[in-house]
């Protein structure tokens, strides 16, 4: 089971990987980074990606639709009966630019669960489908 550094090294082994980070979306801080940053500064990239992740995780539009669930239940992953399904309501976010892909994979933990893996892929050499599958695996195996 990989720790933060090992997880990021494994992410960088993906075809087309340019940079990766583990980010806390509540604070916008990067807990670990590797490779390049899309803006030249990992802290700025982490803060900007955290804004996007926070919006997806907190806005009702991006949560599973359950008629009886309140917005608070949707943000925490709880169902209409208050049962927690064990996962975040959003699994991945994918942002496509002219030159690359940004894949944000939410990490489910036993505590706060406000973490995500951010992988930046080159558009011409990256494989988006493979990146999603590998990030899911890394997020499940990550030891914090």
N, C-alpha and C. Protein backbone atom coordinates (compact mmCIF):
# COMPACT_ATOMS: atom_id res chain seq x y z
N UNK A 1 0.84 -1.18 0.00
CA UNK A 1 0.00 0.00 0.00
C UNK A 1 0.88 1.24 0.00
N UNK A 2 0.73 2.08 -1.01
CA UNK A 2 1.61 3.23 -1.14
C UNK A 2 1.23 4.40 -0.23
N UNK A 3 2.25 5.12 0.22
CA UNK A 3 2.04 6.38 0.90
C UNK A 3 1.93 7.48 -0.14
N UNK A 4 1.93 8.72 0.31
CA UNK A 4 1.74 9.84 -0.61
C UNK A 4 2.81 9.89 -1.68
N UNK A 5 4.07 9.83 -1.31
CA UNK A 5 5.15 9.93 -2.30
C UNK A 5 5.11 8.79 -3.30
N UNK A 6 4.91 7.57 -2.81
CA UNK A 6 4.87 6.41 -3.71
C UNK A 6 3.67 6.49 -4.65
N UNK A 7 2.55 6.97 -4.13
CA UNK A 7 1.34 7.13 -4.94
C UNK A 7 1.59 8.11 -6.08
N UNK A 8 2.22 9.23 -5.78
CA UNK A 8 2.49 10.23 -6.81
C UNK A 8 3.49 9.73 -7.84
N UNK A 9 4.49 8.97 -7.40
CA UNK A 9 5.45 8.38 -8.34
C UNK A 9 4.72 7.41 -9.28
N UNK A 10 3.82 6.60 -8.74
CA UNK A 10 3.05 5.68 -9.58
C UNK A 10 2.18 6.45 -10.57
N UNK A 11 1.60 7.56 -10.15
CA UNK A 11 0.77 8.36 -11.05
C UNK A 11 1.61 8.92 -12.19
N UNK A 12 2.84 9.31 -11.91
CA UNK A 12 3.71 9.86 -12.94
C UNK A 12 4.19 8.80 -13.93
N UNK A 13 4.01 7.54 -13.60
CA UNK A 13 4.39 6.46 -14.52
C UNK A 13 3.36 6.29 -15.64
N UNK A 14 2.23 6.95 -15.54
CA UNK A 14 1.21 6.87 -16.58
C UNK A 14 1.68 7.57 -17.85
N UNK A 15 1.32 7.03 -19.02
CA UNK A 15 1.71 7.69 -20.27
C UNK A 15 1.18 9.12 -20.33
N UNK A 16 2.05 10.06 -20.66
CA UNK A 16 1.66 11.45 -20.80
C UNK A 16 1.58 12.25 -19.53
N UNK A 17 1.88 11.64 -18.38
CA UNK A 17 1.79 12.37 -17.10
C UNK A 17 2.80 13.51 -17.07
N UNK A 18 2.33 14.69 -16.72
CA UNK A 18 3.22 15.86 -16.62
C UNK A 18 3.40 16.31 -15.19
N UNK A 19 2.39 16.07 -14.34
CA UNK A 19 2.47 16.47 -12.95
C UNK A 19 1.35 15.84 -12.16
N UNK A 20 1.57 15.70 -10.86
CA UNK A 20 0.55 15.11 -9.99
C UNK A 20 0.66 15.73 -8.61
N UNK A 21 -0.46 15.71 -7.90
CA UNK A 21 -0.49 16.25 -6.54
C UNK A 21 -1.60 15.58 -5.74
N UNK A 22 -1.41 15.52 -4.44
CA UNK A 22 -2.47 15.14 -3.51
C UNK A 22 -2.85 16.43 -2.80
N UNK A 23 -4.13 16.81 -2.90
CA UNK A 23 -4.57 18.12 -2.44
C UNK A 23 -5.72 17.98 -1.45
N UNK A 24 -5.72 18.83 -0.43
CA UNK A 24 -6.85 18.95 0.50
C UNK A 24 -7.76 20.04 -0.07
N UNK A 25 -8.98 19.65 -0.47
CA UNK A 25 -9.84 20.63 -1.13
C UNK A 25 -10.46 21.63 -0.18
N UNK A 26 -10.44 21.39 1.12
CA UNK A 26 -10.99 22.40 2.04
C UNK A 26 -10.02 23.55 2.26
N UNK A 27 -8.73 23.26 2.28
CA UNK A 27 -7.73 24.30 2.51
C UNK A 27 -7.03 24.75 1.23
N UNK A 28 -7.04 23.90 0.19
CA UNK A 28 -6.32 24.22 -1.04
C UNK A 28 -4.84 23.93 -0.97
N UNK A 29 -4.41 23.23 0.07
CA UNK A 29 -2.99 22.93 0.23
C UNK A 29 -2.63 21.59 -0.39
N UNK A 30 -1.47 21.56 -1.04
CA UNK A 30 -0.96 20.32 -1.60
C UNK A 30 -0.20 19.57 -0.51
N UNK A 31 -0.57 18.31 -0.28
CA UNK A 31 0.13 17.48 0.70
C UNK A 31 1.35 16.81 0.09
N UNK A 32 1.39 16.77 -1.23
CA UNK A 32 2.53 16.22 -1.95
C UNK A 32 2.40 16.57 -3.41
N UNK A 33 3.53 16.80 -4.07
CA UNK A 33 3.53 17.13 -5.50
C UNK A 33 4.70 16.45 -6.18
N UNK A 34 4.58 16.28 -7.49
CA UNK A 34 5.66 15.71 -8.29
C UNK A 34 5.50 16.21 -9.72
N UNK A 35 6.58 16.33 -10.42
CA UNK A 35 6.53 16.75 -11.82
C UNK A 35 6.30 18.23 -11.98
N UNK A 36 5.72 18.59 -13.12
CA UNK A 36 5.47 19.99 -13.45
C UNK A 36 4.13 20.46 -12.88
N UNK A 37 3.96 21.76 -12.86
CA UNK A 37 2.69 22.38 -12.51
C UNK A 37 2.17 23.11 -13.75
N UNK A 38 0.87 23.05 -14.00
CA UNK A 38 0.34 23.74 -15.18
C UNK A 38 0.61 25.25 -15.20
N UNK A 39 0.78 25.85 -14.04
CA UNK A 39 1.03 27.29 -13.98
C UNK A 39 2.43 27.61 -13.47
N UNK A 40 3.26 26.60 -13.32
CA UNK A 40 4.63 26.80 -12.86
C UNK A 40 4.81 26.81 -11.36
N UNK A 41 3.72 26.73 -10.62
CA UNK A 41 3.77 26.79 -9.17
C UNK A 41 2.76 25.79 -8.61
N UNK A 42 3.24 24.77 -7.89
CA UNK A 42 2.35 23.73 -7.38
C UNK A 42 1.33 24.25 -6.38
N UNK A 43 1.70 25.25 -5.58
CA UNK A 43 0.76 25.78 -4.59
C UNK A 43 -0.43 26.47 -5.26
N UNK A 44 -0.14 27.22 -6.32
CA UNK A 44 -1.21 27.89 -7.05
C UNK A 44 -2.12 26.88 -7.73
N UNK A 45 -1.51 25.87 -8.36
CA UNK A 45 -2.30 24.82 -9.02
C UNK A 45 -3.20 24.10 -8.02
N UNK A 46 -2.65 23.80 -6.84
CA UNK A 46 -3.43 23.10 -5.82
C UNK A 46 -4.62 23.95 -5.37
N UNK A 47 -4.39 25.23 -5.14
CA UNK A 47 -5.47 26.11 -4.69
C UNK A 47 -6.55 26.25 -5.76
N UNK A 48 -6.16 26.36 -7.02
CA UNK A 48 -7.14 26.50 -8.10
C UNK A 48 -7.92 25.20 -8.31
N UNK A 49 -7.23 24.06 -8.27
CA UNK A 49 -7.92 22.78 -8.42
C UNK A 49 -8.86 22.53 -7.24
N UNK A 50 -8.47 22.99 -6.05
CA UNK A 50 -9.31 22.81 -4.87
C UNK A 50 -10.62 23.57 -5.01
N UNK A 51 -10.59 24.75 -5.62
CA UNK A 51 -11.83 25.50 -5.85
C UNK A 51 -12.80 24.72 -6.73
N UNK A 52 -12.26 24.10 -7.77
CA UNK A 52 -13.09 23.29 -8.66
C UNK A 52 -13.63 22.06 -7.94
N UNK A 53 -12.78 21.38 -7.19
CA UNK A 53 -13.20 20.19 -6.44
C UNK A 53 -14.26 20.53 -5.40
N UNK A 54 -14.05 21.64 -4.71
CA UNK A 54 -15.01 22.06 -3.67
C UNK A 54 -16.38 22.33 -4.29
N UNK A 55 -16.39 22.99 -5.43
CA UNK A 55 -17.66 23.27 -6.09
C UNK A 55 -18.38 21.98 -6.46
N UNK A 56 -17.67 21.03 -7.03
CA UNK A 56 -18.29 19.76 -7.43
C UNK A 56 -18.78 18.98 -6.22
N UNK A 57 -18.03 19.00 -5.14
CA UNK A 57 -18.38 18.21 -3.96
C UNK A 57 -19.52 18.83 -3.16
N UNK A 58 -19.67 20.14 -3.23
CA UNK A 58 -20.64 20.80 -2.39
C UNK A 58 -21.93 21.20 -3.09
N UNK A 59 -21.90 21.38 -4.41
CA UNK A 59 -23.10 21.82 -5.11
C UNK A 59 -24.03 20.66 -5.39
N UNK A 60 -25.29 20.90 -5.13
CA UNK A 60 -26.32 19.89 -5.26
C UNK A 60 -26.43 19.35 -6.69
N UNK A 61 -26.09 20.14 -7.67
CA UNK A 61 -26.18 19.72 -9.07
C UNK A 61 -25.29 18.53 -9.40
N UNK A 62 -24.22 18.35 -8.64
CA UNK A 62 -23.25 17.30 -8.94
C UNK A 62 -23.34 16.11 -8.01
N UNK A 63 -24.34 16.08 -7.16
CA UNK A 63 -24.48 14.96 -6.23
C UNK A 63 -25.54 14.00 -6.75
N UNK A 64 -25.51 12.76 -6.29
CA UNK A 64 -26.52 11.80 -6.76
C UNK A 64 -27.92 12.30 -6.44
N UNK A 65 -28.83 12.08 -7.37
CA UNK A 65 -30.19 12.57 -7.16
C UNK A 65 -31.00 11.55 -6.37
N UNK A 66 -31.32 11.92 -5.15
CA UNK A 66 -32.21 11.14 -4.31
C UNK A 66 -33.25 12.11 -3.81
N UNK A 67 -34.50 11.93 -4.16
CA UNK A 67 -35.53 12.92 -3.85
C UNK A 67 -35.63 13.30 -2.38
N UNK A 68 -35.42 12.36 -1.47
CA UNK A 68 -35.60 12.65 -0.06
C UNK A 68 -34.33 13.14 0.61
N UNK A 69 -33.22 13.16 -0.10
CA UNK A 69 -31.95 13.57 0.51
C UNK A 69 -31.88 15.09 0.58
N UNK A 70 -31.41 15.58 1.71
CA UNK A 70 -31.22 17.02 1.86
C UNK A 70 -29.88 17.40 1.25
N UNK A 71 -29.65 18.69 0.98
CA UNK A 71 -28.34 19.11 0.46
C UNK A 71 -27.20 18.72 1.40
N UNK A 72 -27.45 18.76 2.71
CA UNK A 72 -26.40 18.37 3.66
C UNK A 72 -26.10 16.88 3.54
N UNK A 73 -27.15 16.06 3.36
CA UNK A 73 -26.93 14.62 3.16
C UNK A 73 -26.16 14.37 1.88
N UNK A 74 -26.50 15.10 0.83
CA UNK A 74 -25.83 14.90 -0.46
C UNK A 74 -24.35 15.25 -0.35
N UNK A 75 -24.02 16.31 0.38
CA UNK A 75 -22.61 16.71 0.51
C UNK A 75 -21.81 15.70 1.30
N UNK A 76 -22.45 14.99 2.22
CA UNK A 76 -21.72 14.02 3.03
C UNK A 76 -21.82 12.61 2.49
N UNK A 77 -22.63 12.40 1.45
CA UNK A 77 -22.77 11.07 0.89
C UNK A 77 -23.83 10.23 1.57
N UNK A 78 -24.58 10.82 2.48
CA UNK A 78 -25.61 10.07 3.18
C UNK A 78 -26.85 9.95 2.31
N UNK A 79 -27.52 8.85 2.41
CA UNK A 79 -28.74 8.61 1.63
C UNK A 79 -29.95 9.17 2.31
N UNK A 80 -31.14 8.93 1.76
CA UNK A 80 -32.36 9.49 2.33
C UNK A 80 -32.64 9.01 3.74
N UNK A 81 -32.20 7.82 4.09
CA UNK A 81 -32.40 7.32 5.45
C UNK A 81 -31.25 7.71 6.36
N UNK A 82 -30.29 8.47 5.84
CA UNK A 82 -29.15 8.87 6.64
C UNK A 82 -28.02 7.86 6.59
N UNK A 83 -28.15 6.82 5.77
CA UNK A 83 -27.10 5.83 5.65
C UNK A 83 -26.00 6.37 4.76
N UNK A 84 -24.77 6.22 5.17
CA UNK A 84 -23.63 6.65 4.39
C UNK A 84 -23.23 5.51 3.48
N UNK A 85 -23.12 5.79 2.19
CA UNK A 85 -22.75 4.73 1.24
C UNK A 85 -21.25 4.49 1.21
N UNK A 86 -20.48 5.20 2.03
CA UNK A 86 -19.05 4.96 2.14
C UNK A 86 -18.21 5.70 1.11
N UNK A 87 -18.81 6.53 0.26
CA UNK A 87 -18.02 7.21 -0.74
C UNK A 87 -18.48 8.64 -0.93
N UNK A 88 -17.63 9.41 -1.57
CA UNK A 88 -17.97 10.79 -1.89
C UNK A 88 -19.01 10.79 -3.00
N UNK A 89 -19.87 11.80 -3.05
CA UNK A 89 -20.89 11.84 -4.10
C UNK A 89 -20.27 12.00 -5.49
N UNK A 90 -19.10 12.61 -5.59
CA UNK A 90 -18.40 12.79 -6.86
C UNK A 90 -17.16 11.90 -6.82
N UNK A 91 -16.92 11.15 -7.89
CA UNK A 91 -15.74 10.30 -7.96
C UNK A 91 -14.58 11.00 -8.65
N UNK A 92 -14.83 11.52 -9.85
CA UNK A 92 -13.80 12.16 -10.67
C UNK A 92 -14.30 13.47 -11.23
N UNK A 93 -13.37 14.34 -11.52
CA UNK A 93 -13.62 15.52 -12.34
C UNK A 93 -12.60 15.48 -13.46
N UNK A 94 -13.03 15.78 -14.66
CA UNK A 94 -12.10 15.81 -15.79
C UNK A 94 -12.27 17.15 -16.48
N UNK A 95 -11.16 17.85 -16.62
CA UNK A 95 -11.15 19.12 -17.33
C UNK A 95 -10.25 18.93 -18.55
N UNK A 96 -10.79 19.24 -19.71
CA UNK A 96 -10.05 19.09 -20.96
C UNK A 96 -9.65 20.47 -21.45
N UNK A 97 -8.37 20.64 -21.74
CA UNK A 97 -7.88 21.88 -22.34
C UNK A 97 -7.35 21.54 -23.73
N UNK A 98 -6.91 22.55 -24.44
CA UNK A 98 -6.38 22.29 -25.79
C UNK A 98 -5.10 21.47 -25.76
N UNK A 99 -4.37 21.53 -24.65
CA UNK A 99 -3.08 20.83 -24.60
C UNK A 99 -3.04 19.69 -23.59
N UNK A 100 -4.06 19.55 -22.77
CA UNK A 100 -3.97 18.51 -21.75
C UNK A 100 -5.28 18.15 -21.11
N UNK A 101 -5.18 17.21 -20.19
CA UNK A 101 -6.30 16.76 -19.38
C UNK A 101 -5.92 16.93 -17.92
N UNK A 102 -6.88 17.33 -17.12
CA UNK A 102 -6.72 17.39 -15.68
C UNK A 102 -7.73 16.41 -15.10
N UNK A 103 -7.24 15.42 -14.37
CA UNK A 103 -8.12 14.43 -13.76
C UNK A 103 -8.01 14.61 -12.25
N UNK A 104 -9.13 14.88 -11.61
CA UNK A 104 -9.18 15.00 -10.16
C UNK A 104 -9.96 13.81 -9.64
N UNK A 105 -9.31 12.98 -8.85
CA UNK A 105 -9.94 11.78 -8.28
C UNK A 105 -10.07 11.98 -6.77
N UNK A 106 -11.31 11.96 -6.28
CA UNK A 106 -11.55 12.12 -4.85
C UNK A 106 -11.10 10.87 -4.11
N UNK A 107 -10.47 11.07 -2.97
CA UNK A 107 -9.95 9.98 -2.14
C UNK A 107 -10.87 9.81 -0.94
N UNK A 108 -11.40 8.62 -0.77
CA UNK A 108 -12.24 8.31 0.38
C UNK A 108 -11.35 7.83 1.51
N UNK A 109 -11.49 8.46 2.67
CA UNK A 109 -10.68 8.10 3.83
C UNK A 109 -11.61 7.80 5.01
N UNK A 110 -11.02 7.29 6.08
CA UNK A 110 -11.79 7.00 7.29
C UNK A 110 -12.08 8.26 8.10
N UNK A 111 -11.45 9.36 7.73
CA UNK A 111 -11.67 10.60 8.46
C UNK A 111 -12.33 11.61 7.53
N UNK A 112 -11.85 12.79 7.41
CA UNK A 112 -12.48 13.92 6.76
C UNK A 112 -12.86 13.71 5.28
N UNK A 113 -12.11 12.94 4.54
CA UNK A 113 -12.35 12.70 3.12
C UNK A 113 -12.41 13.98 2.29
N UNK A 114 -11.52 14.89 2.54
CA UNK A 114 -11.48 16.11 1.76
C UNK A 114 -10.24 16.16 0.88
N UNK A 115 -9.79 15.00 0.42
CA UNK A 115 -8.59 14.91 -0.39
C UNK A 115 -8.92 14.47 -1.81
N UNK A 116 -8.07 14.90 -2.75
CA UNK A 116 -8.19 14.40 -4.11
C UNK A 116 -6.81 14.32 -4.73
N UNK A 117 -6.67 13.41 -5.68
CA UNK A 117 -5.47 13.30 -6.49
C UNK A 117 -5.69 14.13 -7.74
N UNK A 118 -4.73 14.95 -8.10
CA UNK A 118 -4.80 15.77 -9.31
C UNK A 118 -3.70 15.30 -10.24
N UNK A 119 -4.08 14.80 -11.40
CA UNK A 119 -3.13 14.36 -12.41
C UNK A 119 -3.27 15.24 -13.63
N UNK A 120 -2.15 15.76 -14.11
CA UNK A 120 -2.12 16.58 -15.31
C UNK A 120 -1.48 15.75 -16.41
N UNK A 121 -2.23 15.51 -17.49
CA UNK A 121 -1.76 14.70 -18.62
C UNK A 121 -1.59 15.54 -19.87
N UNK A 122 -0.58 15.20 -20.65
CA UNK A 122 -0.41 15.77 -21.97
C UNK A 122 -1.51 15.21 -22.88
N UNK A 123 -2.13 16.05 -23.64
CA UNK A 123 -3.26 15.61 -24.46
C UNK A 123 -2.85 14.67 -25.60
N UNK A 124 -1.67 14.85 -26.17
CA UNK A 124 -1.28 14.02 -27.31
C UNK A 124 -0.74 12.66 -26.90
N UNK A 125 -0.15 12.55 -25.71
CA UNK A 125 0.44 11.27 -25.30
C UNK A 125 -0.29 10.61 -24.14
N UNK A 126 -1.21 11.31 -23.51
CA UNK A 126 -1.92 10.77 -22.37
C UNK A 126 -3.09 9.88 -22.78
N UNK A 127 -3.43 8.97 -21.91
CA UNK A 127 -4.57 8.07 -22.12
C UNK A 127 -5.55 8.34 -20.98
N UNK A 128 -6.62 9.05 -21.28
CA UNK A 128 -7.57 9.48 -20.27
C UNK A 128 -8.26 8.31 -19.58
N UNK A 129 -8.66 7.31 -20.35
CA UNK A 129 -9.33 6.14 -19.76
C UNK A 129 -8.40 5.40 -18.80
N UNK A 130 -7.19 5.16 -19.23
CA UNK A 130 -6.22 4.49 -18.37
C UNK A 130 -5.93 5.31 -17.12
N UNK A 131 -5.81 6.61 -17.27
CA UNK A 131 -5.55 7.48 -16.12
C UNK A 131 -6.66 7.39 -15.09
N UNK A 132 -7.91 7.38 -15.54
CA UNK A 132 -9.03 7.26 -14.60
C UNK A 132 -8.97 5.95 -13.83
N UNK A 133 -8.70 4.86 -14.54
CA UNK A 133 -8.64 3.55 -13.88
C UNK A 133 -7.49 3.47 -12.89
N UNK A 134 -6.32 3.95 -13.28
CA UNK A 134 -5.16 3.90 -12.39
C UNK A 134 -5.33 4.82 -11.19
N UNK A 135 -5.90 6.00 -11.39
CA UNK A 135 -6.12 6.90 -10.26
C UNK A 135 -7.12 6.32 -9.28
N UNK A 136 -8.14 5.65 -9.79
CA UNK A 136 -9.10 4.99 -8.90
C UNK A 136 -8.38 3.95 -8.04
N UNK A 137 -7.53 3.15 -8.67
CA UNK A 137 -6.77 2.14 -7.94
C UNK A 137 -5.83 2.78 -6.91
N UNK A 138 -5.12 3.81 -7.32
CA UNK A 138 -4.21 4.49 -6.39
C UNK A 138 -4.97 5.11 -5.22
N UNK A 139 -6.11 5.72 -5.47
CA UNK A 139 -6.90 6.34 -4.41
C UNK A 139 -7.38 5.30 -3.40
N UNK A 140 -7.72 4.12 -3.89
CA UNK A 140 -8.19 3.05 -3.00
C UNK A 140 -7.05 2.47 -2.16
N UNK A 141 -5.84 2.44 -2.71
CA UNK A 141 -4.70 1.85 -2.01
C UNK A 141 -3.90 2.83 -1.18
N UNK A 142 -4.12 4.12 -1.36
CA UNK A 142 -3.35 5.16 -0.69
C UNK A 142 -3.46 5.04 0.83
N UNK A 143 -2.31 5.06 1.48
CA UNK A 143 -2.25 5.02 2.94
C UNK A 143 -1.82 6.40 3.43
N UNK A 144 -2.65 6.98 4.29
CA UNK A 144 -2.34 8.32 4.83
C UNK A 144 -1.92 8.23 6.27
